Amino acid sequence: MRWIPSQAMPIVQAMWRHRWFAVGTAWLVCTAGWIGAAFIPTRYESTARVYLNADPLLTPLLRGLAADTDPGRHLDFMQRTLLSRPNLEQLIRLTDLDTGIQTPAEKEALFKRLASDISVAPVTLNLLALSYRDSDPVLAKNVVQSLLTIFAEKMAGSSRAEMDSAQRFLDDEIASYRDQLRAAEKRRADLADKYPDIVRNRSPDAPGGDDAGVNRLEQARAAVAQLKTDLADATSKRDAIQKELAGVPTTLTVDHGPQVIVTGGHLTPIEERLQELHRNLDTLLLKYTEEHPDVKAARQSIVQLEAEAKSSGGGAGQAGNAANKGQIANGAYDQIKVRLVDAEAAVAAVQRRLSEAETQQTKIEKIAQSAPGVLVQAQDLDRDYSVLKSNYVALVTRRESTTIANAADTKTEKIQFRIVDPPQVPIVPAAPNRPLLVTVVLALGIGAGLAAPLLVMQLDRSFATLGQLRNLGIPILGSVSRLSIGAAQRRAALQLIGVTASALVLVAVYGTLLMLSIGLHSVGVS
């Protein structure tokens, strides 16, 4: 044994000295471990794979038109809450797992066991795996099947419940805003009826102006300002025509007296204008009374034009009597005179409208001064109505979006749910891995057998080598070797054979158990 290092000699000698203790320890550990592994209950696992798609073709088509229910978030929520307490209670009822449960503590233990034994894990982006282990393979399959049923029901039912809740909320809010709008409209109408000269009896969002909240006083002021502008324009136009008329002679001088020309009954421009004014007057009388400003202006224009016609006729007669003087009537003068009459009539009409508008403005200002808060109150009512109306329209729009989304969820599958691999009754046990357990137990037994002599060596106070004695500082004269001859040598050989045989038998038992575990596991027998 000279090839063994001197430092390892004490360990080797101690292991050989306590060889039977090591063999016994290894057998004890292996036997206990193998028996324990045999009593571990067999667990069967049933698995199902489900395909889930939270973004089918309908989702992008309805984006912006229907309410976005975020199916991806809903799907993630369903995965996280699948093992919630209500779902586990429903699972227990579906699979009759509560049979034999007597106390609340037992029921609570059942909940904990289900939560730990059920596995919900994503395989890929759209593939989900559901699995459950139990000693009964049929029960394992039934649990997974019930989980699929619960998952499908919850995924469809929770989305519809959320939609129904949102629909009820929107209906209640719309009804509330509708009542508020009606109340605001009534307050606005009451204020307009009480102060008709200040407040318009019209909805703030009704057509007819850029600012529906403009009050009557502002309208009157704007009308007066516009009429003043129109009067200035009409006056300027009339003055320009007067200047033009002042520079045009009434008659024209010719070299010879005028010849008698038969005109064939043609009317002069003044007579044509008179006929046109009479036709306009007849048209106005069909729509207005004699007191209407336009009717009065038309009659005044007719009177002025008739006076001009008489004056022109007189001048023409004198020109006829003095035919030898060589003068004739100027047609341009008559045309400008007609334009002047029209311009003066337009100025008179604008002046009358301006006078009436100023009278109305003065009346409204007096009423506004007697009730200074009416305008502010009307503006506040208009502002409140506009806010209520915008909120009401927004709520109605959202309700329509929710209705479309609800119809999409009801009539179509917004989240596609497909069972790729349905659960099956497992045949091969999933746990425990008995071949691995048998091997681990053998390794532990061998390790315990090798460690046992070392532990005993630490408790043994004897000396195995001269080196251990020299370490104590005791003078050593020499050593006497043991000579194994005859019966002692045979006894040592038998002990070596016995130790080797025990180790080989242990390995043979391991091999037998390993083959049995592998063979029975392959046919589904534990």
Protein backbone atom coordinates (compact mmCIF):
# COMPACT_ATOMS: atom_id res chain seq x y z
CA MET A 1 0.00 0.00 0.00
CA ARG A 2 2.98 2.24 -0.56
CA TRP A 3 1.17 3.94 -3.50
CA ILE A 4 -1.33 5.49 -1.09
CA PRO A 5 -0.24 8.95 0.13
CA SER A 6 0.74 9.11 3.76
CA GLN A 7 -1.93 11.76 4.45
CA ALA A 8 -4.67 9.41 3.18
CA MET A 9 -3.47 6.33 5.05
CA PRO A 10 -5.35 7.13 8.28
CA ILE A 11 -8.59 7.57 6.30
CA VAL A 12 -8.13 4.32 4.38
CA GLN A 13 -7.26 2.41 7.53
CA ALA A 14 -10.25 3.90 9.36
CA MET A 15 -12.60 2.95 6.54
CA TRP A 16 -11.23 -0.58 6.46
CA ARG A 17 -11.44 -0.87 10.21
CA HIS A 18 -15.12 0.21 10.14
CA ARG A 19 -15.99 -1.48 6.84
CA TRP A 20 -19.04 -3.29 8.11
CA PHE A 21 -20.39 -0.14 9.67
CA ALA A 22 -20.04 1.59 6.29
CA VAL A 23 -21.77 -1.27 4.46
CA GLY A 24 -24.60 -1.33 6.99
CA THR A 25 -25.08 2.43 6.76
CA ALA A 26 -25.27 2.29 2.96
CA TRP A 27 -27.79 -0.55 3.05
CA LEU A 28 -29.86 1.21 5.68
CA VAL A 29 -30.01 4.50 3.77
CA CYS A 30 -30.75 2.83 0.43
CA THR A 31 -33.42 0.55 1.88
CA ALA A 32 -35.17 3.39 3.67
CA GLY A 33 -34.93 5.65 0.62
CA TRP A 34 -36.24 3.05 -1.81
CA ILE A 35 -39.14 2.16 0.45
CA GLY A 36 -39.97 5.85 0.85
CA ALA A 37 -39.83 6.39 -2.91
CA ALA A 38 -42.17 3.45 -3.41
CA PHE A 39 -44.75 5.05 -1.12
CA ILE A 40 -44.71 8.43 -2.87
CA PRO A 41 -48.17 8.75 -4.49
CA THR A 42 -48.29 8.71 -8.26
CA ARG A 43 -49.42 11.93 -9.92
CA TYR A 44 -51.03 12.10 -13.35
CA GLU A 45 -51.02 15.31 -15.37
CA SER A 46 -53.67 16.37 -17.88
CA THR A 47 -52.84 19.30 -20.18
CA ALA A 48 -54.80 21.37 -22.68
CA ARG A 49 -53.54 24.04 -25.04
CA VAL A 50 -55.73 26.96 -26.06
CA TYR A 51 -55.25 29.44 -28.92
CA LEU A 52 -56.24 33.01 -28.04
CA ASN A 53 -56.19 35.92 -30.49
CA ALA A 54 -57.06 39.32 -29.06
CA ASP A 55 -56.71 41.22 -32.35
CA PRO A 56 -58.91 39.65 -35.03
CA LEU A 57 -59.94 41.35 -38.25
CA LEU A 58 -62.97 43.08 -36.69
CA THR A 59 -60.95 45.02 -34.10
CA PRO A 60 -59.03 47.30 -36.54
CA LEU A 61 -62.17 47.78 -38.63
CA LEU A 62 -64.11 49.15 -35.64
CA ARG A 63 -61.25 51.31 -34.34
CA GLY A 64 -62.50 54.89 -34.07
CA LEU A 65 -66.11 53.85 -34.66
CA ALA A 66 -66.90 51.67 -31.67
CA ALA A 67 -65.77 51.90 -28.07
CA ASP A 68 -62.34 50.32 -27.65
CA THR A 69 -62.68 47.52 -25.10
CA ASP A 70 -58.95 46.63 -25.31
CA PRO A 71 -59.29 42.85 -25.78
CA GLY A 72 -55.59 42.33 -25.08
CA ARG A 73 -55.88 43.84 -21.62
CA HIS A 74 -59.08 41.90 -21.03
CA LEU A 75 -57.37 38.65 -22.03
CA ASP A 76 -54.43 39.32 -19.71
CA PHE A 77 -56.86 40.06 -16.89
CA MET A 78 -58.67 36.77 -17.48
CA GLN A 79 -55.41 34.81 -17.35
CA ARG A 80 -54.44 36.41 -14.05
CA THR A 81 -57.84 35.91 -12.43
CA LEU A 82 -58.56 32.39 -13.68
CA LEU A 83 -57.48 30.94 -10.32
CA SER A 84 -59.44 33.44 -8.25
CA ARG A 85 -61.56 32.25 -5.34
CA PRO A 86 -64.93 32.44 -7.19
CA ASN A 87 -63.54 30.50 -10.14
CA LEU A 88 -62.08 27.83 -7.86
CA GLU A 89 -65.43 27.49 -6.09
CA GLN A 90 -67.13 26.99 -9.44
CA LEU A 91 -64.45 24.44 -10.39
CA ILE A 92 -65.05 22.49 -7.18
CA ARG A 93 -68.78 22.38 -7.87
CA LEU A 94 -68.27 21.20 -11.46
CA THR A 95 -65.87 18.38 -10.50
CA ASP A 96 -67.44 17.38 -7.14
CA LEU A 97 -64.15 17.89 -5.36
CA ASP A 98 -65.99 18.98 -2.22
CA THR A 99 -67.28 15.46 -1.62
CA GLY A 100 -66.15 14.44 1.83
CA ILE A 101 -65.20 17.96 2.89
CA GLN A 102 -66.56 18.48 6.40
CA THR A 103 -64.83 21.49 7.94
CA PRO A 104 -63.87 24.95 6.69
CA ALA A 105 -60.23 24.09 7.29
CA GLU A 106 -60.45 21.16 4.90
CA LYS A 107 -62.12 23.35 2.30
CA GLU A 108 -59.43 26.00 2.67
CA ALA A 109 -56.76 23.33 2.25
CA LEU A 110 -58.52 22.18 -0.92
CA PHE A 111 -58.42 25.73 -2.31
CA LYS A 112 -54.70 26.01 -1.60
CA ARG A 113 -53.99 22.62 -3.17
CA LEU A 114 -55.90 23.49 -6.33
CA ALA A 115 -54.17 26.85 -6.63
CA SER A 116 -50.76 25.16 -6.37
CA ASP A 117 -51.49 22.13 -8.57
CA ILE A 118 -53.18 24.04 -11.42
CA SER A 119 -50.76 25.63 -13.86
CA VAL A 120 -51.67 28.42 -16.31
CA ALA A 121 -48.66 29.29 -18.45
CA PRO A 122 -48.25 30.96 -21.86
CA VAL A 123 -46.49 28.77 -24.41
CA THR A 124 -46.20 31.36 -27.17
CA LEU A 125 -47.70 34.77 -27.84
CA ASN A 126 -51.19 33.40 -28.55
CA LEU A 127 -50.93 29.91 -27.07
CA LEU A 128 -51.88 29.15 -23.48
CA ALA A 129 -51.35 25.87 -21.59
CA LEU A 130 -53.61 24.68 -18.75
CA SER A 131 -52.48 21.68 -16.70
CA TYR A 132 -53.42 19.90 -13.47
CA ARG A 133 -51.87 17.01 -11.55
CA ASP A 134 -53.75 14.50 -9.41
CA SER A 135 -53.48 10.91 -8.32
CA ASP A 136 -56.67 10.14 -10.26
CA PRO A 137 -56.08 10.53 -14.03
CA VAL A 138 -59.81 10.90 -14.79
CA LEU A 139 -60.15 13.64 -12.20
CA ALA A 140 -57.12 15.45 -13.64
CA LYS A 141 -58.76 15.46 -17.07
CA ASN A 142 -62.11 16.64 -15.66
CA VAL A 143 -60.46 19.51 -13.79
CA VAL A 144 -58.73 20.80 -16.93
CA GLN A 145 -61.94 20.44 -18.95
CA SER A 146 -63.85 22.41 -16.32
CA LEU A 147 -61.15 25.08 -16.36
CA LEU A 148 -61.64 25.50 -20.11
CA THR A 149 -65.39 25.85 -19.61
CA ILE A 150 -64.97 28.47 -16.89
CA PHE A 151 -62.39 30.37 -18.94
CA ALA A 152 -64.67 30.54 -21.99
CA GLU A 153 -67.71 31.60 -19.94
CA LYS A 154 -65.87 34.27 -18.00
CA MET A 155 -64.20 35.67 -21.10
CA ALA A 156 -67.54 36.16 -22.85
CA GLY A 157 -69.64 37.03 -19.83
CA SER A 158 -67.36 39.58 -18.21
CA SER A 159 -67.01 41.58 -21.43
CA ARG A 160 -70.77 41.71 -21.90
CA ALA A 161 -71.29 42.59 -18.24
CA GLU A 162 -68.88 45.51 -18.57
CA MET A 163 -70.69 46.66 -21.72
CA ASP A 164 -74.09 46.44 -20.04
CA SER A 165 -72.82 48.37 -17.04
CA ALA A 166 -71.37 51.08 -19.26
CA GLN A 167 -74.60 51.20 -21.28
CA ARG A 168 -76.69 51.69 -18.14
CA PHE A 169 -74.38 54.40 -16.88
CA LEU A 170 -74.52 56.28 -20.18
CA ASP A 171 -78.31 55.98 -20.32
CA ASP A 172 -78.63 57.44 -16.83
CA GLU A 173 -76.25 60.30 -17.60
CA ILE A 174 -78.00 61.09 -20.89
CA ALA A 175 -81.38 61.19 -19.16
CA SER A 176 -79.95 63.52 -16.50
CA TYR A 177 -78.44 65.87 -19.07
CA ARG A 178 -81.65 65.80 -21.10
CA ASP A 179 -83.61 67.00 -18.06
CA GLN A 180 -81.03 69.72 -17.40
CA LEU A 181 -81.22 70.86 -21.03
CA ARG A 182 -84.98 71.10 -20.89
CA ALA A 183 -84.81 73.07 -17.65
CA ALA A 184 -82.22 75.45 -19.18
CA GLU A 185 -84.37 75.94 -22.27
CA LYS A 186 -87.40 76.72 -20.10
CA ARG A 187 -85.46 79.28 -18.06
CA ARG A 188 -84.24 80.88 -21.28
CA ALA A 189 -87.75 80.99 -22.74
CA ASP A 190 -89.19 82.45 -19.53
CA LEU A 191 -86.56 85.20 -19.55
CA ALA A 192 -87.25 85.96 -23.22
CA ASP A 193 -91.00 86.14 -22.57
CA LYS A 194 -90.44 88.50 -19.64
CA TYR A 195 -88.04 90.78 -21.55
CA PRO A 196 -88.90 90.31 -25.24
CA ASP A 197 -87.22 93.55 -26.28
CA ILE A 198 -83.87 92.53 -24.79
CA VAL A 199 -83.61 88.75 -24.97
CA ARG A 200 -84.34 86.75 -28.09
CA ASN A 201 -86.69 83.83 -27.58
CA ARG A 202 -84.48 81.38 -29.42
CA SER A 203 -82.22 78.50 -28.47
CA PRO A 204 -78.57 79.58 -28.11
CA ASP A 205 -77.45 77.03 -30.71
CA ALA A 206 -80.21 77.87 -33.23
CA PRO A 207 -79.09 79.03 -36.70
CA GLY A 208 -79.35 82.63 -37.76
CA GLY A 209 -76.18 84.31 -36.64
CA ASP A 210 -72.57 83.86 -35.81
CA ASP A 211 -73.24 84.42 -32.12
CA ALA A 212 -76.54 82.94 -31.00
CA GLY A 213 -76.28 84.66 -27.63
CA VAL A 214 -76.32 88.24 -29.03
CA ASN A 215 -79.10 90.21 -27.27
CA ARG A 216 -81.64 92.58 -28.73
CA LEU A 217 -79.79 95.71 -27.57
CA GLU A 218 -76.66 94.72 -29.46
CA GLN A 219 -78.79 93.94 -32.50
CA ALA A 220 -80.44 97.37 -32.35
CA ARG A 221 -77.11 99.16 -32.06
CA ALA A 222 -75.69 97.19 -34.94
CA ALA A 223 -78.75 98.00 -37.07
CA VAL A 224 -78.45 101.75 -36.35
CA ALA A 225 -74.75 101.72 -37.22
CA GLN A 226 -75.43 99.89 -40.48
CA LEU A 227 -78.25 102.27 -41.45
CA LYS A 228 -76.04 105.29 -40.78
CA THR A 229 -73.47 103.81 -43.13
CA ASP A 230 -76.16 103.15 -45.76
CA LEU A 231 -77.48 106.73 -45.38
CA ALA A 232 -74.02 108.18 -45.89
CA ASP A 233 -73.58 106.09 -49.03
CA ALA A 234 -77.00 107.07 -50.40
CA THR A 235 -76.41 110.77 -49.66
CA SER A 236 -73.03 110.71 -51.39
CA LYS A 237 -74.57 109.07 -54.43
CA ARG A 238 -77.39 111.67 -54.54
CA ASP A 239 -74.95 114.60 -54.22
CA ALA A 240 -72.85 113.21 -57.03
CA ILE A 241 -75.91 112.97 -59.31
CA GLN A 242 -76.92 116.55 -58.40
CA LYS A 243 -73.47 117.83 -59.37
CA GLU A 244 -73.67 115.91 -62.62
CA LEU A 245 -77.16 117.27 -63.35
CA ALA A 246 -76.07 120.86 -62.66
CA GLY A 247 -73.56 120.63 -65.49
CA VAL A 248 -76.05 119.32 -68.08
CA PRO A 249 -78.27 121.85 -70.01
CA THR A 250 -81.99 121.24 -70.25
CA THR A 251 -82.07 122.10 -74.00
CA LEU A 252 -79.72 121.90 -76.94
CA THR A 253 -79.29 124.67 -79.64
CA VAL A 254 -79.29 123.64 -83.31
CA ASP A 255 -78.62 125.53 -86.56
CA HIS A 256 -82.10 124.97 -88.05
CA GLY A 257 -85.49 124.61 -86.52
CA PRO A 258 -86.55 121.12 -85.65
CA GLN A 259 -88.51 119.17 -88.17
CA VAL A 260 -91.74 117.51 -87.21
CA ILE A 261 -90.92 113.85 -86.62
CA VAL A 262 -93.56 111.31 -85.85
CA THR A 263 -92.18 109.17 -83.11
CA GLY A 264 -94.66 106.41 -83.57
CA GLY A 265 -96.00 106.73 -79.97
CA HIS A 266 -92.72 105.99 -78.12
CA LEU A 267 -92.58 107.08 -74.43
CA THR A 268 -90.06 109.47 -73.04
CA PRO A 269 -87.60 108.17 -70.37
CA ILE A 270 -89.57 109.95 -67.62
CA GLU A 271 -92.79 108.30 -68.74
CA GLU A 272 -91.10 104.88 -68.85
CA ARG A 273 -89.78 105.42 -65.32
CA LEU A 274 -93.26 106.44 -64.12
CA GLN A 275 -94.72 103.23 -65.49
CA GLU A 276 -92.00 101.21 -63.77
CA LEU A 277 -92.64 102.98 -60.44
CA HIS A 278 -96.37 102.31 -60.73
CA ARG A 279 -95.68 98.62 -61.31
CA ASN A 280 -93.37 98.52 -58.25
CA LEU A 281 -96.03 100.26 -56.18
CA ASP A 282 -98.62 97.69 -57.18
CA THR A 283 -96.25 94.91 -56.19
CA LEU A 284 -95.54 96.50 -52.78
CA LEU A 285 -99.23 97.00 -52.05
CA LEU A 286 -99.76 93.28 -52.51
CA LYS A 287 -97.37 92.63 -49.58
CA TYR A 288 -97.53 95.74 -47.36
CA THR A 289 -99.98 98.41 -46.21
CA GLU A 290 -100.00 102.11 -47.08
CA GLU A 291 -98.00 102.88 -43.93
CA HIS A 292 -95.01 100.78 -44.89
CA PRO A 293 -91.84 102.86 -45.50
CA ASP A 294 -91.21 101.32 -48.92
CA VAL A 295 -94.76 102.12 -50.07
CA LYS A 296 -94.43 105.72 -48.91
CA ALA A 297 -91.06 106.08 -50.66
CA ALA A 298 -92.49 104.70 -53.92
CA ARG A 299 -95.43 107.13 -53.86
CA GLN A 300 -93.10 110.08 -53.15
CA SER A 301 -90.91 109.06 -56.08
CA ILE A 302 -93.96 108.95 -58.36
CA VAL A 303 -95.07 112.43 -57.25
CA GLN A 304 -91.60 113.90 -57.82
CA LEU A 305 -91.25 112.24 -61.20
CA GLU A 306 -94.71 113.44 -62.33
CA ALA A 307 -93.73 117.01 -61.39
CA GLU A 308 -90.55 116.63 -63.41
CA ALA A 309 -92.57 115.32 -66.35
CA LYS A 310 -94.87 118.33 -66.29
CA SER A 311 -91.89 120.68 -66.12
CA SER A 312 -90.23 118.93 -69.05
CA GLY A 313 -93.47 119.03 -71.07
CA GLY A 314 -93.81 122.80 -70.54
CA GLY A 315 -90.27 123.39 -71.64
CA ALA A 316 -90.86 121.34 -74.73
CA GLY A 317 -93.96 123.39 -75.61
CA GLN A 318 -92.06 126.62 -75.36
CA ALA A 319 -89.38 125.14 -77.51
CA GLY A 320 -92.06 124.24 -80.06
CA ASN A 321 -93.49 127.77 -80.07
CA ALA A 322 -90.00 129.18 -80.57
CA ALA A 323 -89.04 126.69 -83.18
CA ASN A 324 -87.37 129.35 -85.24
CA LYS A 325 -84.83 129.79 -82.42
CA GLY A 326 -83.29 126.34 -83.13
CA GLN A 327 -83.48 124.65 -79.62
CA ILE A 328 -84.56 121.09 -78.69
CA ALA A 329 -84.99 119.18 -75.36
CA ASN A 330 -81.86 117.42 -73.95
CA GLY A 331 -82.54 113.65 -73.51
CA ALA A 332 -79.44 113.17 -71.29
CA TYR A 333 -80.83 115.73 -68.87
CA ASP A 334 -84.05 113.74 -68.53
CA GLN A 335 -82.16 110.50 -67.85
CA ILE A 336 -79.98 112.09 -65.15
CA LYS A 337 -83.10 113.67 -63.66
CA VAL A 338 -84.68 110.21 -63.35
CA ARG A 339 -81.55 108.90 -61.57
CA LEU A 340 -81.66 111.87 -59.19
CA VAL A 341 -85.28 111.16 -58.31
CA ASP A 342 -84.39 107.52 -57.55
CA ALA A 343 -81.42 108.58 -55.40
CA GLU A 344 -83.52 111.05 -53.40
CA ALA A 345 -86.16 108.36 -52.86
CA ALA A 346 -83.46 105.96 -51.61
CA VAL A 347 -82.12 108.61 -49.19
CA ALA A 348 -85.61 109.24 -47.86
CA ALA A 349 -86.24 105.52 -47.35
CA VAL A 350 -82.96 105.05 -45.46
CA GLN A 351 -83.69 108.10 -43.31
CA ARG A 352 -87.07 106.67 -42.32
CA ARG A 353 -85.57 103.27 -41.46
CA LEU A 354 -82.80 104.95 -39.48
CA SER A 355 -85.33 106.98 -37.53
CA GLU A 356 -87.32 103.86 -36.68
CA ALA A 357 -84.15 101.96 -35.67
CA GLU A 358 -83.00 104.78 -33.41
CA THR A 359 -86.42 104.87 -31.79
CA GLN A 360 -86.25 101.10 -31.19
CA GLN A 361 -82.72 101.39 -29.80
CA THR A 362 -83.76 104.12 -27.38
CA LYS A 363 -86.68 101.99 -26.21
CA ILE A 364 -84.50 98.93 -25.61
CA GLU A 365 -81.83 100.99 -23.80
CA LYS A 366 -84.44 102.33 -21.42
CA ILE A 367 -85.68 98.81 -20.68
CA ALA A 368 -82.11 97.55 -20.24
CA GLN A 369 -81.34 100.36 -17.79
CA SER A 370 -84.38 99.43 -15.74
CA ALA A 371 -83.21 95.75 -15.62
CA PRO A 372 -79.38 95.80 -15.83
CA GLY A 373 -78.92 92.14 -14.81
CA VAL A 374 -81.09 90.71 -17.57
CA LEU A 375 -78.35 90.71 -20.21
CA VAL A 376 -75.84 89.08 -17.88
CA GLN A 377 -78.42 86.50 -16.87
CA ALA A 378 -79.20 85.74 -20.50
CA GLN A 379 -75.51 85.28 -21.31
CA ASP A 380 -75.08 82.98 -18.30
CA LEU A 381 -78.06 80.92 -19.42
CA ASP A 382 -76.65 80.67 -22.94
CA ARG A 383 -73.25 79.61 -21.60
CA ASP A 384 -74.74 76.95 -19.32
CA TYR A 385 -76.91 75.66 -22.14
CA SER A 386 -73.93 75.37 -24.50
CA VAL A 387 -71.93 73.37 -21.93
CA LEU A 388 -74.85 71.07 -21.22
CA LYS A 389 -75.53 70.58 -24.92
CA SER A 390 -71.90 69.70 -25.73
CA ASN A 391 -71.77 67.16 -22.88
CA TYR A 392 -75.10 65.72 -23.95
CA VAL A 393 -73.94 65.27 -27.55
CA ALA A 394 -70.68 63.67 -26.37
CA LEU A 395 -72.56 61.19 -24.16
CA VAL A 396 -74.94 60.27 -26.97
CA THR A 397 -71.97 59.69 -29.29
CA ARG A 398 -70.28 57.45 -26.74
CA ARG A 399 -73.48 55.51 -26.19
CA GLU A 400 -73.69 54.82 -29.91
CA SER A 401 -70.06 53.67 -29.89
CA THR A 402 -70.80 51.39 -26.94
CA THR A 403 -73.84 49.99 -28.71
CA ILE A 404 -71.76 49.14 -31.78
CA ALA A 405 -69.05 47.55 -29.63
CA ASN A 406 -71.65 45.54 -27.71
CA ALA A 407 -73.16 44.31 -30.96
CA ALA A 408 -69.70 43.36 -32.19
CA ASP A 409 -69.00 41.38 -29.00
CA THR A 410 -72.41 39.70 -29.09
CA LYS A 411 -72.58 38.75 -32.76
CA THR A 412 -68.89 38.13 -33.39
CA GLU A 413 -65.83 36.87 -31.53
CA LYS A 414 -63.71 39.83 -30.62
CA ILE A 415 -61.36 37.43 -28.80
CA GLN A 416 -60.91 34.21 -30.73
CA PHE A 417 -60.90 31.16 -28.43
CA ARG A 418 -59.82 27.84 -29.93
CA ILE A 419 -58.91 24.62 -28.10
CA VAL A 420 -55.84 23.34 -29.93
CA ASP A 421 -55.20 20.26 -27.76
CA PRO A 422 -58.18 19.11 -25.67
CA PRO A 423 -57.46 17.47 -22.32
CA GLN A 424 -57.01 13.70 -22.31
CA VAL A 425 -57.01 11.07 -19.57
CA PRO A 426 -53.27 10.61 -18.87
CA ILE A 427 -51.84 7.11 -18.98
CA VAL A 428 -48.19 7.68 -18.07
CA PRO A 429 -47.60 9.17 -14.61
CA ALA A 430 -46.09 12.62 -14.54
CA ALA A 431 -44.62 12.31 -11.06
CA PRO A 432 -42.65 11.10 -9.28
CA ASN A 433 -39.72 10.26 -11.52
CA ARG A 434 -38.97 6.93 -9.87
CA PRO A 435 -35.85 6.03 -11.92
CA LEU A 436 -34.32 9.30 -10.87
CA LEU A 437 -35.38 8.77 -7.25
CA VAL A 438 -33.85 5.27 -7.18
CA THR A 439 -30.58 6.63 -8.53
CA VAL A 440 -30.53 9.53 -6.08
CA VAL A 441 -31.19 7.16 -3.16
CA LEU A 442 -28.27 4.93 -4.24
CA ALA A 443 -25.97 7.94 -4.44
CA LEU A 444 -27.07 9.07 -0.99
CA GLY A 445 -26.55 5.56 0.40
CA ILE A 446 -23.03 5.32 -1.02
CA GLY A 447 -22.22 8.76 0.29
CA ALA A 448 -23.55 7.87 3.73
CA GLY A 449 -21.56 4.63 3.73
CA LEU A 450 -18.33 6.50 2.94
CA ALA A 451 -19.03 9.24 5.45
CA ALA A 452 -19.89 6.91 8.35
CA PRO A 453 -16.28 5.62 8.93
CA LEU A 454 -14.96 9.15 8.77
CA LEU A 455 -17.42 10.20 11.46
CA VAL A 456 -16.45 7.26 13.65
CA MET A 457 -12.78 8.08 13.10
CA GLN A 458 -13.36 11.51 14.59
CA LEU A 459 -14.71 9.84 17.74
CA ASP A 460 -11.99 7.14 17.86
CA ARG A 461 -9.01 8.15 20.07
CA SER A 462 -6.68 5.32 18.93
CA PHE A 463 -3.60 5.80 16.71
CA ALA A 464 -3.37 4.13 13.35
CA THR A 465 0.14 5.28 12.29
CA LEU A 466 3.49 6.23 13.85
CA GLY A 467 3.06 9.72 12.47
CA GLN A 468 0.05 10.33 14.71
CA LEU A 469 2.17 9.35 17.74
CA ARG A 470 5.08 11.56 16.69
CA ASN A 471 2.70 14.50 16.46
CA LEU A 472 2.15 14.15 20.21
CA GLY A 473 5.89 14.56 20.89
CA ILE A 474 6.26 11.17 22.55
CA PRO A 475 9.58 9.36 22.00
CA ILE A 476 9.04 6.26 19.84
CA LEU A 477 11.45 3.34 19.94
CA GLY A 478 9.88 1.40 17.01
CA SER A 479 6.81 -0.42 15.72
CA VAL A 480 5.70 -4.05 15.55
CA SER A 481 3.88 -5.14 12.37
CA ARG A 482 1.01 -7.61 12.38
CA LEU A 483 1.70 -10.69 10.34
CA SER A 484 -1.41 -12.26 8.81
CA ILE A 485 -0.79 -15.93 8.21
CA GLY A 486 -2.94 -19.00 8.21
CA ALA A 487 -6.40 -18.56 9.72
CA ALA A 488 -6.01 -14.79 10.12
CA GLN A 489 -5.24 -14.41 6.44
CA ARG A 490 -8.25 -16.50 5.43
CA ARG A 491 -10.47 -14.50 7.77
CA ALA A 492 -9.30 -11.23 6.18
CA ALA A 493 -9.98 -12.59 2.71
CA LEU A 494 -13.48 -13.68 3.71
CA GLN A 495 -14.21 -10.25 5.13
CA LEU A 496 -13.08 -8.61 1.90
CA ILE A 497 -15.28 -10.98 -0.10
CA GLY A 498 -18.22 -10.23 2.20
CA VAL A 499 -17.84 -6.47 1.84
CA THR A 500 -17.53 -6.75 -1.91
CA ALA A 501 -20.53 -9.07 -2.15
CA SER A 502 -22.64 -6.70 -0.04
CA ALA A 503 -21.74 -3.81 -2.31
CA LEU A 504 -22.49 -5.86 -5.44
CA VAL A 505 -25.84 -6.99 -4.05
CA LEU A 506 -26.69 -3.36 -3.29
CA VAL A 507 -25.88 -2.41 -6.87
CA ALA A 508 -27.89 -5.39 -8.15
CA VAL A 509 -30.91 -4.34 -6.12
CA TYR A 510 -30.54 -0.82 -7.53
CA GLY A 511 -30.40 -2.17 -11.06
CA THR A 512 -33.50 -4.28 -10.51
CA LEU A 513 -35.44 -1.36 -9.07
CA LEU A 514 -34.27 0.89 -11.90
CA MET A 515 -35.41 -1.54 -14.58
CA LEU A 516 -38.74 -2.04 -12.86
CA SER A 517 -39.28 1.73 -12.57
CA ILE A 518 -38.47 2.34 -16.23
CA GLY A 519 -40.56 -0.58 -17.48
CA LEU A 520 -43.62 0.12 -15.38
CA HIS A 521 -43.46 3.86 -16.08
CA SER A 522 -43.47 3.23 -19.81
CA VAL A 523 -46.74 1.27 -19.55
CA GLY A 524 -48.37 3.67 -17.11
CA VAL A 525 -48.02 1.54 -13.98
CA SER A 526 -46.50 3.02 -10.86
